[in-house]
Protein backbone atom coordinates (compact mmCIF):
# COMPACT_ATOMS: atom_id res chain seq x y z
CA UNK A 1 8.22 27.87 -10.36
CA UNK A 2 8.09 26.85 -14.03
CA UNK A 3 4.91 25.72 -15.77
CA UNK A 4 6.50 22.25 -16.13
CA UNK A 5 7.09 21.97 -12.38
CA UNK A 6 3.58 23.28 -11.67
CA UNK A 7 2.06 20.68 -13.97
CA UNK A 8 4.15 17.91 -12.36
CA UNK A 9 3.07 19.05 -8.89
CA UNK A 10 -0.58 19.01 -9.94
CA UNK A 11 -0.26 15.48 -11.31
CA UNK A 12 1.40 14.39 -8.08
CA UNK A 13 -1.38 16.01 -6.04
CA UNK A 14 -4.04 14.18 -8.10
CA UNK A 15 -2.18 10.88 -7.73
CA UNK A 16 -1.92 11.34 -3.96
CA UNK A 17 -5.59 12.26 -3.71
CA UNK A 18 -6.67 9.18 -5.70
CA UNK A 19 -4.50 6.97 -3.50
CA UNK A 20 -5.80 8.62 -0.32
CA UNK A 21 -9.47 8.14 -1.15
CA UNK A 22 -9.15 4.66 -2.66
CA UNK A 23 -6.88 3.33 0.12
CA UNK A 24 -9.20 4.48 2.89
CA UNK A 25 -12.19 3.16 0.96
CA UNK A 26 -10.64 -0.30 0.36
CA UNK A 27 -9.85 -0.78 4.06
CA UNK A 28 -13.45 -0.23 5.12
CA UNK A 29 -14.94 -2.18 2.17
CA UNK A 30 -12.70 -5.18 2.89
CA UNK A 31 -13.50 -5.01 6.60
CA UNK A 32 -17.21 -4.88 5.74
CA UNK A 33 -16.85 -7.90 3.42
CA UNK A 34 -15.10 -9.93 6.13
CA UNK A 35 -17.50 -8.96 8.91
CA UNK A 36 -20.80 -8.95 6.97
CA UNK A 37 -20.33 -11.75 4.41
CA UNK A 38 -17.35 -13.80 5.62
CA UNK A 39 -15.83 -13.80 2.14
CA UNK A 40 -12.52 -15.78 2.04
CA UNK A 41 -9.40 -13.64 2.27
CA UNK A 42 -7.17 -15.06 -0.47
CA UNK A 43 -10.08 -15.37 -2.89
CA UNK A 44 -10.81 -11.68 -2.39
CA UNK A 45 -7.15 -10.92 -3.15
CA UNK A 46 -7.41 -12.97 -6.36
CA UNK A 47 -10.51 -11.01 -7.41
CA UNK A 48 -8.57 -7.77 -6.85
CA UNK A 49 -5.71 -8.98 -9.07
CA UNK A 50 -8.01 -10.06 -11.88
CA UNK A 51 -10.02 -6.82 -11.83
CA UNK A 52 -6.78 -4.81 -11.79
CA UNK A 53 -5.58 -6.59 -14.95
CA UNK A 54 -8.99 -6.18 -16.64
CA UNK A 55 -8.91 -2.47 -15.83
CA UNK A 56 -5.47 -2.13 -17.41
CA UNK A 57 -6.56 -4.18 -20.44
CA UNK A 58 -9.45 -1.76 -20.99
CA UNK A 59 -7.08 1.19 -20.56
CA UNK A 60 -4.68 -0.06 -23.23
CA UNK A 61 -7.60 -0.74 -25.61
CA UNK A 62 -8.50 2.95 -25.27
CA UNK A 63 -4.84 3.89 -25.94
CA UNK A 64 -4.34 5.30 -22.44
CA UNK A 65 -0.96 3.52 -22.43
CA UNK A 66 1.03 1.21 -24.73
CA UNK A 67 2.16 -2.17 -23.33
CA UNK A 68 5.89 -2.86 -23.43
CA UNK A 69 7.24 -6.36 -23.99
CA UNK A 70 8.83 -7.70 -20.79
CA UNK A 71 10.43 -11.02 -19.87
CA UNK A 72 8.27 -12.60 -17.16
CA UNK A 73 11.28 -13.96 -15.30
CA UNK A 74 12.44 -10.40 -14.65
CA UNK A 75 9.26 -9.56 -12.72
CA UNK A 76 8.57 -12.98 -11.14
CA UNK A 77 9.82 -11.98 -7.67
CA UNK A 78 7.88 -8.73 -7.87
CA UNK A 79 4.72 -10.69 -8.71
CA UNK A 80 5.29 -13.05 -5.78
CA UNK A 81 5.91 -10.17 -3.39
CA UNK A 82 2.71 -8.54 -4.68
CA UNK A 83 0.78 -11.67 -3.65
CA UNK A 84 2.39 -11.62 -0.23
CA UNK A 85 1.87 -7.89 0.17
CA UNK A 86 -1.90 -8.03 -0.39
CA UNK A 87 -2.48 -11.43 1.25
CA UNK A 88 -0.62 -10.66 4.48
CA UNK A 89 -2.04 -7.15 4.82
CA UNK A 90 -5.55 -8.54 4.31
CA UNK A 91 -4.87 -11.28 6.87
CA UNK A 92 -3.59 -8.61 9.25
CA UNK A 93 -6.73 -6.58 8.69
CA UNK A 94 -8.87 -9.67 9.24
CA UNK A 95 -7.17 -10.58 12.54
CA UNK A 96 -6.56 -7.12 14.01
CA UNK A 97 -8.53 -3.99 14.75
CA UNK A 98 -8.16 -1.32 12.06
CA UNK A 99 -6.11 0.84 14.43
CA UNK A 100 -3.60 -1.93 15.18
CA UNK A 101 -3.48 -2.87 11.49
CA UNK A 102 -2.57 0.67 10.42
CA UNK A 103 -0.07 1.25 13.21
CA UNK A 104 1.75 -1.99 12.43
CA UNK A 105 1.96 -0.94 8.77
CA UNK A 106 3.69 2.29 9.81
CA UNK A 107 6.78 0.21 10.60
CA UNK A 108 7.19 -0.31 6.84
CA UNK A 109 9.06 3.00 6.51
CA UNK A 110 12.09 2.17 8.69
CA UNK A 111 12.28 -1.30 7.11
CA UNK A 112 12.34 0.27 3.63
CA UNK A 113 15.12 2.66 4.67
CA UNK A 114 17.06 -0.31 6.09
CA UNK A 115 16.67 -2.30 2.85
CA UNK A 116 17.61 0.62 0.60
CA UNK A 117 20.60 1.56 2.77
CA UNK A 118 21.88 -2.01 3.08
CA UNK A 119 21.25 -3.47 -0.39
CA UNK A 120 20.86 -0.45 -2.69
CA UNK A 121 23.47 1.80 -1.03
CA UNK A 122 21.03 4.71 -0.91
CA UNK A 123 21.79 7.40 1.65
CA UNK A 124 19.34 9.31 3.85
CA UNK A 125 20.17 12.44 5.83
CA UNK A 126 20.14 12.34 9.62
CA UNK A 127 17.18 14.74 9.67
CA UNK A 128 15.12 12.39 7.50
CA UNK A 129 16.00 9.41 9.69
CA UNK A 130 15.08 11.33 12.85
CA UNK A 131 11.55 11.92 11.54
CA UNK A 132 11.01 8.19 12.14
CA UNK A 133 11.32 8.75 15.89
CA UNK A 134 7.87 10.32 16.47
CA UNK A 135 6.30 7.84 14.03
CA UNK A 136 7.85 4.88 15.87
CA UNK A 137 6.75 6.45 19.16
CA UNK A 138 3.20 6.49 17.82
CA UNK A 139 3.44 2.76 17.11
CA UNK A 140 4.75 2.08 20.62
CA UNK A 141 1.99 4.14 22.22
CA UNK A 142 -0.62 2.02 20.49
CA UNK A 143 0.93 -1.43 20.65
CA UNK A 144 1.93 -1.21 24.33
CA UNK A 145 -1.53 -0.31 25.58
CA UNK A 146 -3.72 -1.92 22.90
CA UNK A 147 -5.44 -4.86 24.60
CA UNK A 148 -6.74 -6.08 21.24
CA UNK A 149 -3.30 -7.21 20.09
CA UNK A 150 -3.15 -10.98 19.53
CA UNK A 151 -0.39 -13.41 18.56
CA UNK A 152 -1.81 -14.48 15.20
CA UNK A 153 -2.59 -10.89 14.21
CA UNK A 154 0.94 -9.82 15.21
CA UNK A 155 2.53 -12.58 13.09
CA UNK A 156 0.51 -11.60 10.02
CA UNK A 157 1.22 -7.90 10.61
CA UNK A 158 4.99 -8.54 10.91
CA UNK A 159 5.09 -10.64 7.74
CA UNK A 160 3.03 -7.96 6.01
CA UNK A 161 5.56 -5.27 6.96
CA UNK A 162 8.53 -7.29 5.64
CA UNK A 163 6.92 -8.33 2.34
CA UNK A 164 5.35 -4.90 1.78
CA UNK A 165 8.74 -3.23 2.27
CA UNK A 166 10.39 -5.51 -0.30
CA UNK A 167 7.49 -5.05 -2.72
CA UNK A 168 7.53 -1.26 -2.57
CA UNK A 169 11.30 -1.07 -2.98
CA UNK A 170 11.10 -3.38 -6.02
CA UNK A 171 8.21 -1.39 -7.55
CA UNK A 172 10.44 1.67 -7.86
CA UNK A 173 13.58 -0.30 -8.76
CA UNK A 174 11.88 -2.30 -11.54
CA UNK A 175 10.33 0.78 -13.16
CA UNK A 176 13.80 2.32 -13.47
CA UNK A 177 15.58 -0.94 -14.32
CA UNK A 178 13.13 -1.95 -17.08
CA UNK A 179 12.42 1.64 -18.23
CA UNK A 180 8.63 1.26 -17.94
CA UNK A 181 5.87 3.34 -16.38
CA UNK A 182 3.44 2.24 -13.68
CA UNK A 183 0.76 0.94 -16.08
CA UNK A 184 3.23 -0.97 -18.26
CA UNK A 185 4.74 -2.78 -15.28
CA UNK A 186 1.44 -3.53 -13.55
CA UNK A 187 -0.05 -4.78 -16.86
CA UNK A 188 2.34 -7.76 -16.77
CA UNK A 189 2.69 -8.16 -13.04
CA UNK A 190 -1.04 -8.34 -12.15
CA UNK A 191 -1.93 -11.42 -14.28
CA UNK A 192 1.31 -13.14 -13.22
CA UNK A 193 0.40 -12.58 -9.57
CA UNK A 194 -3.13 -13.85 -10.30
CA UNK A 195 -1.69 -17.05 -11.74
CA UNK A 196 0.52 -17.60 -8.68
CA UNK A 197 -2.37 -17.01 -6.31
CA UNK A 198 -4.76 -19.21 -8.31
CA UNK A 199 -2.46 -22.17 -7.60
CA UNK A 200 -2.43 -21.44 -3.88
CA UNK A 201 -6.09 -20.60 -3.13
CA UNK A 202 -7.42 -24.21 -3.38
CA UNK A 203 -4.88 -25.29 -0.72
CA UNK A 204 -6.23 -22.89 1.89
CA UNK A 205 -9.83 -22.08 0.97
CA UNK A 206 -12.83 -24.07 -0.33
CA UNK A 207 -13.86 -23.67 -3.96
CA UNK A 208 -17.46 -24.80 -3.53
CA UNK A 209 -20.01 -24.98 -0.74
CA UNK A 210 -20.42 -22.53 2.12
CA UNK A 211 -17.78 -19.75 2.05
CA UNK A 212 -16.28 -21.09 -1.19
CA UNK A 213 -15.61 -18.89 -4.22
CA UNK A 214 -18.33 -20.76 -6.16
CA UNK A 215 -20.62 -20.97 -3.15
CA UNK A 216 -24.13 -19.56 -2.81
CA UNK A 217 -23.18 -15.90 -2.42
CA UNK A 218 -25.95 -13.32 -2.36
CA UNK A 219 -26.14 -10.61 -5.04
CA UNK A 220 -25.22 -7.81 -2.57
CA UNK A 221 -22.12 -9.81 -1.54
CA UNK A 222 -21.00 -10.27 -5.16
CA UNK A 223 -21.61 -6.61 -6.02
CA UNK A 224 -19.63 -5.50 -2.97
CA UNK A 225 -16.73 -7.83 -3.84
CA UNK A 226 -16.62 -6.58 -7.45
CA UNK A 227 -16.77 -2.98 -6.25
CA UNK A 228 -13.83 -3.67 -3.92
CA UNK A 229 -11.96 -4.97 -6.99
CA UNK A 230 -12.52 -1.68 -8.83
CA UNK A 231 -11.26 0.26 -5.81
CA UNK A 232 -8.27 -2.11 -5.55
CA UNK A 233 -7.43 -1.29 -9.19
CA UNK A 234 -7.19 2.40 -8.26
CA UNK A 235 -5.12 1.58 -5.17
CA UNK A 236 -2.64 -0.60 -7.07
CA UNK A 237 -2.24 1.82 -9.97
CA UNK A 238 -1.79 4.86 -7.72
CA UNK A 239 0.80 3.01 -5.58
CA UNK A 240 2.91 2.24 -8.66
CA UNK A 241 2.53 5.78 -10.00
CA UNK A 242 3.46 7.50 -6.72
CA UNK A 243 6.50 5.30 -6.04
CA UNK A 244 7.67 5.64 -9.66
CA UNK A 245 7.42 9.44 -9.52
CA UNK A 246 8.68 9.96 -5.95
CA UNK A 247 10.09 7.16 -3.78
CA UNK A 248 8.99 4.29 -1.57
CA UNK A 249 9.81 6.32 1.55
CA UNK A 250 7.75 9.32 0.40
CA UNK A 251 4.84 7.02 -0.39
CA UNK A 252 5.05 5.54 3.09
CA UNK A 253 5.12 8.96 4.73
CA UNK A 254 1.91 9.72 2.87
CA UNK A 255 0.61 6.38 4.12
CA UNK A 256 1.05 7.54 7.72
CA UNK A 257 -1.36 10.39 7.04
CA UNK A 258 -3.87 7.85 5.74
CA UNK A 259 -3.37 5.84 8.92
CA UNK A 260 -4.54 8.78 11.05
CA UNK A 261 -7.75 9.11 9.04
CA UNK A 262 -8.36 5.36 8.95
CA UNK A 263 -7.83 5.03 12.71
CA UNK A 264 -10.54 7.59 13.37
CA UNK A 265 -12.77 5.91 10.78
CA UNK A 266 -12.34 2.55 12.51
CA UNK A 267 -13.51 4.12 15.75
CA UNK A 268 -16.57 5.72 14.12
CA UNK A 269 -17.66 2.85 11.84
CA UNK A 270 -16.54 -0.33 13.61
CA UNK A 271 -16.34 0.95 17.20
CA UNK A 272 -12.66 0.03 17.48
CA UNK A 273 -11.36 1.54 20.73
CA UNK A 274 -9.61 4.90 20.45
CA UNK A 275 -7.85 5.56 23.73
CA UNK A 276 -5.85 8.55 24.89
CA UNK A 277 -2.67 6.62 24.04
CA UNK A 278 -3.84 6.12 20.45
CA UNK A 279 -4.74 9.81 20.20
CA UNK A 280 -1.21 10.68 21.34
CA UNK A 281 0.09 8.18 18.77
CA UNK A 282 -1.80 10.04 16.04
CA UNK A 283 -0.26 13.35 17.14
CA UNK A 284 3.24 11.85 17.17
CA UNK A 285 2.72 10.40 13.71
CA UNK A 286 1.50 13.72 12.30
CA UNK A 287 4.54 15.44 13.82
CA UNK A 288 6.80 12.96 12.01
CA UNK A 289 4.97 13.48 8.70
CA UNK A 290 5.21 17.27 8.92
CA UNK A 291 8.90 17.07 9.82
CA UNK A 292 9.66 14.75 6.92
CA UNK A 293 7.78 17.00 4.48
CA UNK A 294 9.64 20.08 5.72
CA UNK A 295 13.11 18.50 5.54
CA UNK A 296 12.44 16.79 2.19
CA UNK A 297 11.29 20.02 0.55
CA UNK A 298 14.30 21.85 2.02
CA UNK A 299 16.68 19.21 0.61
CA UNK A 300 15.01 19.42 -2.82
CA UNK A 301 15.35 23.21 -2.88
CA UNK A 302 18.99 22.91 -1.81
CA UNK A 303 19.61 20.43 -4.61
CA UNK A 304 18.01 22.77 -7.17
CA UNK A 305 20.14 25.66 -5.92
CA UNK A 306 23.32 23.62 -6.34
CA UNK A 307 22.35 22.68 -9.91
CA UNK A 308 21.58 26.32 -10.74
CA UNK A 309 24.98 27.44 -9.44
CA UNK A 310 26.90 25.02 -11.65
CA UNK A 311 28.58 26.70 -14.64
């Protein structure tokens, strides 16, 4: 393995680690904010967007990256899908147990493959597609026996899967189409998404009074919300970086690993039920992740061998 490949692999490992830790952290912080303080969902999403843009603004001031001029109309749909992605996943988290929330999200992978196959004419080997079988089985094991499923939570979870799939596909497509990196794209998209959401929040949530954004929140509540915004900045940036350097499907496979850890964390911290069926679902999901990793690495090595054999 060349030094260049080793360096790239190390950067990928760091990016995955940052995403792993920040994603798990944001789930439990958001759940704590909803349960302990009752902070409004869409307002919390808006705070995350604003803090993400402020973080990127600070980064460019320290020359960590250079902004690239982009036409806003070319990223408008991406910005809208970003709003839907965070809003619906937060609503799913708010109306479901953490276990159900994570298992519903695992359906994002087959939807992404369907979108990329149908609209982007991307092909996936049969082996890669078959790795979805144990992952889907894990979802069935949980959803069939999980007595905490509810209609409203299911609706939000389903919308979250659809919008998240579109968002993640567009994240990778826009980086290649516009020839920008993760920070350059997110630098424009985050404030645009904030503007869209700012117009919507007053229609659904109070601005003043009890539970309003300008309501009488305690100092611990405000500190926790701001801290969740910092963690959300790391989540958003690492998502863009991972998808831009790998693929939306690979990012989702990594997400299934996070689901296993978060499911156990939900049981330990919030006393969400963890039945034998859910334990079997975790094992099925891990089997799918390991299979995907094995087949993906084998395909990459095969591709390198073919390139090396060319005259």
